Amino acid sequence: MSKSDERKELHWLDDIDEAIEKIQTHEQYGKGKGAFEQDERYRVWVFYHMERVGECVSRLRQDFDYDNKHPDIDWKGTQGMRRHLVHRYWAIDNDAVWKGVEYLPKIKDKIDALKREKEQARNEEKNNPRPKPHF
């Protein structure tokens, strides 16, 4: 994997992290599913950020083989949520979306761990560069 690929991977991880934080720091988040069902603006906020998470996951699955490298997360289901929100907007299952919201802490923990690993590897590479061959 080239350095540009690594940066691209970190970009997708950062975007997922940001979208999850946007959901989890919304003033209605602590009020649970009831607030989600009653407040249309909050619901749309959640839909938008869940779509962002799903799009980023799609890229990670396609470009970085996350299904095989990190099978402890339901990447396919997370991407499927995005597809459902975007392509079946007229029949959104709010219960399923809320279950997705409840799954976000597990995704966030994994994303945070992956970001730490990537940053540590980048710092180690920076501090211990490979010697250049002398020809």
C-alpha atoms as a PDB file:
ATOM      1  CA  MET A   1       0.000   0.000   0.000  1.00  0.00           C
ATOM      2  CA  SER A   2       1.451   3.381  -0.940  1.00  0.00           C
ATOM      3  CA  LYS A   3       1.563   6.373   1.375  1.00  0.00           C
ATOM      4  CA  SER A   4      -1.224   8.034  -0.595  1.00  0.00           C
ATOM      5  CA  ASP A   5      -3.420   4.951  -0.022  1.00  0.00           C
ATOM      6  CA  GLU A   6      -2.700   5.080   3.707  1.00  0.00           C
ATOM      7  CA  ARG A   7      -3.650   8.741   3.844  1.00  0.00           C
ATOM      8  CA  LYS A   8      -6.794   7.947   1.889  1.00  0.00           C
ATOM      9  CA  GLU A   9      -7.653   5.197   4.353  1.00  0.00           C
ATOM     10  CA  LEU A  10      -7.121   7.587   7.262  1.00  0.00           C
ATOM     11  CA  HIS A  11      -9.341  10.118   5.501  1.00  0.00           C
ATOM     12  CA  TRP A  12     -12.233   7.627   5.401  1.00  0.00           C
ATOM     13  CA  LEU A  13     -11.639   6.669   9.043  1.00  0.00           C
ATOM     14  CA  ASP A  14     -11.626  10.333  10.071  1.00  0.00           C
ATOM     15  CA  ASP A  15     -14.866  10.961   8.194  1.00  0.00           C
ATOM     16  CA  ILE A  16     -16.572   8.029   9.926  1.00  0.00           C
ATOM     17  CA  ASP A  17     -15.323   9.250  13.289  1.00  0.00           C
ATOM     18  CA  GLU A  18     -16.639  12.752  12.612  1.00  0.00           C
ATOM     19  CA  ALA A  19     -20.059  11.538  11.442  1.00  0.00           C
ATOM     20  CA  ILE A  20     -20.478   9.343  14.518  1.00  0.00           C
ATOM     21  CA  GLU A  21     -19.454  12.216  16.783  1.00  0.00           C
ATOM     22  CA  LYS A  22     -22.026  14.463  15.085  1.00  0.00           C
ATOM     23  CA  ILE A  23     -24.748  11.965  15.961  1.00  0.00           C
ATOM     24  CA  GLN A  24     -23.518  11.253  19.487  1.00  0.00           C
ATOM     25  CA  THR A  25     -23.055  14.906  20.443  1.00  0.00           C
ATOM     26  CA  HIS A  26     -26.436  16.076  19.154  1.00  0.00           C
ATOM     27  CA  GLU A  27     -28.562  17.483  21.989  1.00  0.00           C
ATOM     28  CA  GLN A  28     -31.288  14.881  21.328  1.00  0.00           C
ATOM     29  CA  TYR A  29     -28.967  11.841  21.363  1.00  0.00           C
ATOM     30  CA  GLY A  30     -29.152  11.362  25.135  1.00  0.00           C
ATOM     31  CA  LYS A  31     -32.950  11.329  24.981  1.00  0.00           C
ATOM     32  CA  GLY A  32     -32.897   8.060  23.048  1.00  0.00           C
ATOM     33  CA  LYS A  33     -35.179   6.532  20.500  1.00  0.00           C
ATOM     34  CA  GLY A  34     -38.211   8.550  21.599  1.00  0.00           C
ATOM     35  CA  ALA A  35     -36.543  11.808  20.591  1.00  0.00           C
ATOM     36  CA  PHE A  36     -35.473  10.218  17.310  1.00  0.00           C
ATOM     37  CA  GLU A  37     -39.047   9.216  16.527  1.00  0.00           C
ATOM     38  CA  GLN A  38     -40.604  12.542  17.573  1.00  0.00           C
ATOM     39  CA  ASP A  39     -38.110  15.078  16.221  1.00  0.00           C
ATOM     40  CA  GLU A  40     -37.974  15.120  12.412  1.00  0.00           C
ATOM     41  CA  ARG A  41     -34.966  17.455  12.290  1.00  0.00           C
ATOM     42  CA  TYR A  42     -33.016  15.131  14.556  1.00  0.00           C
ATOM     43  CA  ARG A  43     -34.081  12.131  12.465  1.00  0.00           C
ATOM     44  CA  VAL A  44     -32.871  13.803   9.273  1.00  0.00           C
ATOM     45  CA  TRP A  45     -29.614  14.718  11.054  1.00  0.00           C
ATOM     46  CA  VAL A  46     -29.113  11.058  11.969  1.00  0.00           C
ATOM     47  CA  PHE A  47     -30.032   9.867   8.465  1.00  0.00           C
ATOM     48  CA  TYR A  48     -27.493  12.200   6.868  1.00  0.00           C
ATOM     49  CA  HIS A  49     -24.637  11.184   9.141  1.00  0.00           C
ATOM     50  CA  MET A  50     -25.508   7.490   8.891  1.00  0.00           C
ATOM     51  CA  GLU A  51     -25.322   7.898   5.110  1.00  0.00           C
ATOM     52  CA  ARG A  52     -21.836   9.407   5.505  1.00  0.00           C
ATOM     53  CA  VAL A  53     -20.725   6.484   7.665  1.00  0.00           C
ATOM     54  CA  GLY A  54     -22.081   4.017   5.109  1.00  0.00           C
ATOM     55  CA  GLU A  55     -20.373   5.739   2.172  1.00  0.00           C
ATOM     56  CA  CYS A  56     -17.019   5.730   3.939  1.00  0.00           C
ATOM     57  CA  VAL A  57     -17.466   2.084   4.912  1.00  0.00           C
ATOM     58  CA  SER A  58     -18.197   1.292   1.276  1.00  0.00           C
ATOM     59  CA  ARG A  59     -14.826   2.768   0.304  1.00  0.00           C
ATOM     60  CA  LEU A  60     -12.999   0.911   3.067  1.00  0.00           C
ATOM     61  CA  ARG A  61     -14.593  -2.393   2.061  1.00  0.00           C
ATOM     62  CA  GLN A  62     -13.831  -1.881  -1.607  1.00  0.00           C
ATOM     63  CA  ASP A  63     -10.366  -0.335  -1.455  1.00  0.00           C
ATOM     64  CA  PHE A  64      -8.938  -1.822   1.743  1.00  0.00           C
ATOM     65  CA  ASP A  65     -10.641  -5.218   2.170  1.00  0.00           C
ATOM     66  CA  TYR A  66     -12.126  -4.392   5.565  1.00  0.00           C
ATOM     67  CA  ASP A  67     -14.503  -7.374   5.512  1.00  0.00           C
ATOM     68  CA  ASN A  68     -11.561  -9.755   5.701  1.00  0.00           C
ATOM     69  CA  LYS A  69      -9.103  -7.607   7.645  1.00  0.00           C
ATOM     70  CA  HIS A  70     -11.564  -6.561  10.353  1.00  0.00           C
ATOM     71  CA  PRO A  71     -14.420  -9.110  10.461  1.00  0.00           C
ATOM     72  CA  ASP A  72     -15.451  -8.105  13.990  1.00  0.00           C
ATOM     73  CA  ILE A  73     -17.521  -5.232  12.551  1.00  0.00           C
ATOM     74  CA  ASP A  74     -20.596  -5.630  10.349  1.00  0.00           C
ATOM     75  CA  TRP A  75     -19.254  -3.488   7.514  1.00  0.00           C
ATOM     76  CA  LYS A  76     -21.723  -4.924   5.004  1.00  0.00           C
ATOM     77  CA  GLY A  77     -24.704  -4.114   7.236  1.00  0.00           C
ATOM     78  CA  THR A  78     -23.383  -0.612   7.853  1.00  0.00           C
ATOM     79  CA  GLN A  79     -23.034  -0.031   4.126  1.00  0.00           C
ATOM     80  CA  GLY A  80     -26.490  -1.552   3.620  1.00  0.00           C
ATOM     81  CA  MET A  81     -27.964   1.012   6.009  1.00  0.00           C
ATOM     82  CA  ARG A  82     -26.687   3.771   3.733  1.00  0.00           C
ATOM     83  CA  ARG A  83     -28.209   2.078   0.697  1.00  0.00           C
ATOM     84  CA  HIS A  84     -31.528   1.761   2.509  1.00  0.00           C
ATOM     85  CA  LEU A  85     -31.553   5.429   3.548  1.00  0.00           C
ATOM     86  CA  VAL A  86     -30.599   6.721   0.102  1.00  0.00           C
ATOM     87  CA  HIS A  87     -32.463   4.370  -2.219  1.00  0.00           C
ATOM     88  CA  ARG A  88     -35.538   3.454  -0.152  1.00  0.00           C
ATOM     89  CA  TYR A  89     -36.154   6.820   1.479  1.00  0.00           C
ATOM     90  CA  TRP A  90     -39.920   6.399   1.166  1.00  0.00           C
ATOM     91  CA  ALA A  91     -39.893   3.256   3.318  1.00  0.00           C
ATOM     92  CA  ILE A  92     -37.289   3.925   5.998  1.00  0.00           C
ATOM     93  CA  ASP A  93     -37.553   1.590   8.964  1.00  0.00           C
ATOM     94  CA  ASN A  94     -36.880   3.860  11.946  1.00  0.00           C
ATOM     95  CA  ASP A  95     -36.433   0.871  14.263  1.00  0.00           C
ATOM     96  CA  ALA A  96     -33.667  -0.494  12.038  1.00  0.00           C
ATOM     97  CA  VAL A  97     -32.019   2.924  11.833  1.00  0.00           C
ATOM     98  CA  TRP A  98     -32.074   3.273  15.603  1.00  0.00           C
ATOM     99  CA  LYS A  99     -30.481  -0.173  15.953  1.00  0.00           C
ATOM    100  CA  GLY A 100     -27.771   1.163  13.645  1.00  0.00           C
ATOM    101  CA  VAL A 101     -27.349   4.185  15.910  1.00  0.00           C
ATOM    102  CA  GLU A 102     -26.992   1.829  18.878  1.00  0.00           C
ATOM    103  CA  TYR A 103     -24.271  -0.063  16.942  1.00  0.00           C
ATOM    104  CA  LEU A 104     -22.237   3.112  16.361  1.00  0.00           C
ATOM    105  CA  PRO A 105     -20.226   2.887  19.631  1.00  0.00           C
ATOM    106  CA  LYS A 106     -18.812  -0.473  18.494  1.00  0.00           C
ATOM    107  CA  ILE A 107     -17.858   1.007  15.123  1.00  0.00           C
ATOM    108  CA  LYS A 108     -16.371   4.083  16.787  1.00  0.00           C
ATOM    109  CA  ASP A 109     -14.235   1.973  19.135  1.00  0.00           C
ATOM    110  CA  LYS A 110     -12.895   0.036  16.139  1.00  0.00           C
ATOM    111  CA  ILE A 111     -12.279   3.196  14.101  1.00  0.00           C
ATOM    112  CA  ASP A 112     -10.436   4.836  17.004  1.00  0.00           C
ATOM    113  CA  ALA A 113      -8.235   1.742  17.433  1.00  0.00           C
ATOM    114  CA  LEU A 114      -7.470   1.622  13.708  1.00  0.00           C
ATOM    115  CA  LYS A 115      -6.595   5.308  13.636  1.00  0.00           C
ATOM    116  CA  ARG A 116      -4.214   4.840  16.578  1.00  0.00           C
ATOM    117  CA  GLU A 117      -2.554   1.895  14.803  1.00  0.00           C
ATOM    118  CA  LYS A 118      -2.169   3.869  11.559  1.00  0.00           C
ATOM    119  CA  GLU A 119      -0.779   6.918  13.365  1.00  0.00           C
ATOM    120  CA  GLN A 120       1.651   4.775  15.365  1.00  0.00           C
ATOM    121  CA  ALA A 121       2.874   3.022  12.206  1.00  0.00           C
ATOM    122  CA  ARG A 122       3.298   6.364  10.458  1.00  0.00           C
ATOM    123  CA  ASN A 123       5.249   7.788  13.408  1.00  0.00           C
ATOM    124  CA  GLU A 124       7.478   4.717  13.582  1.00  0.00           C
ATOM    125  CA  GLU A 125       8.183   4.974   9.871  1.00  0.00           C
ATOM    126  CA  LYS A 126       8.960   8.664  10.241  1.00  0.00           C
ATOM    127  CA  ASN A 127      11.323   8.019  13.187  1.00  0.00           C
ATOM    128  CA  ASN A 128      12.964   4.947  11.633  1.00  0.00           C
ATOM    129  CA  PRO A 129      13.175   5.560   7.905  1.00  0.00           C
ATOM    130  CA  ARG A 130      14.329   2.705   5.733  1.00  0.00           C
ATOM    131  CA  PRO A 131      17.874   3.158   4.513  1.00  0.00           C
ATOM    132  CA  LYS A 132      18.092   4.070   0.850  1.00  0.00           C
ATOM    133  CA  PRO A 133      20.109   1.636  -1.231  1.00  0.00           C
ATOM    134  CA  HIS A 134      23.436   2.945  -2.487  1.00  0.00           C
ATOM    135  CA  PHE A 135      24.137   2.126  -6.087  1.00  0.00           C
END
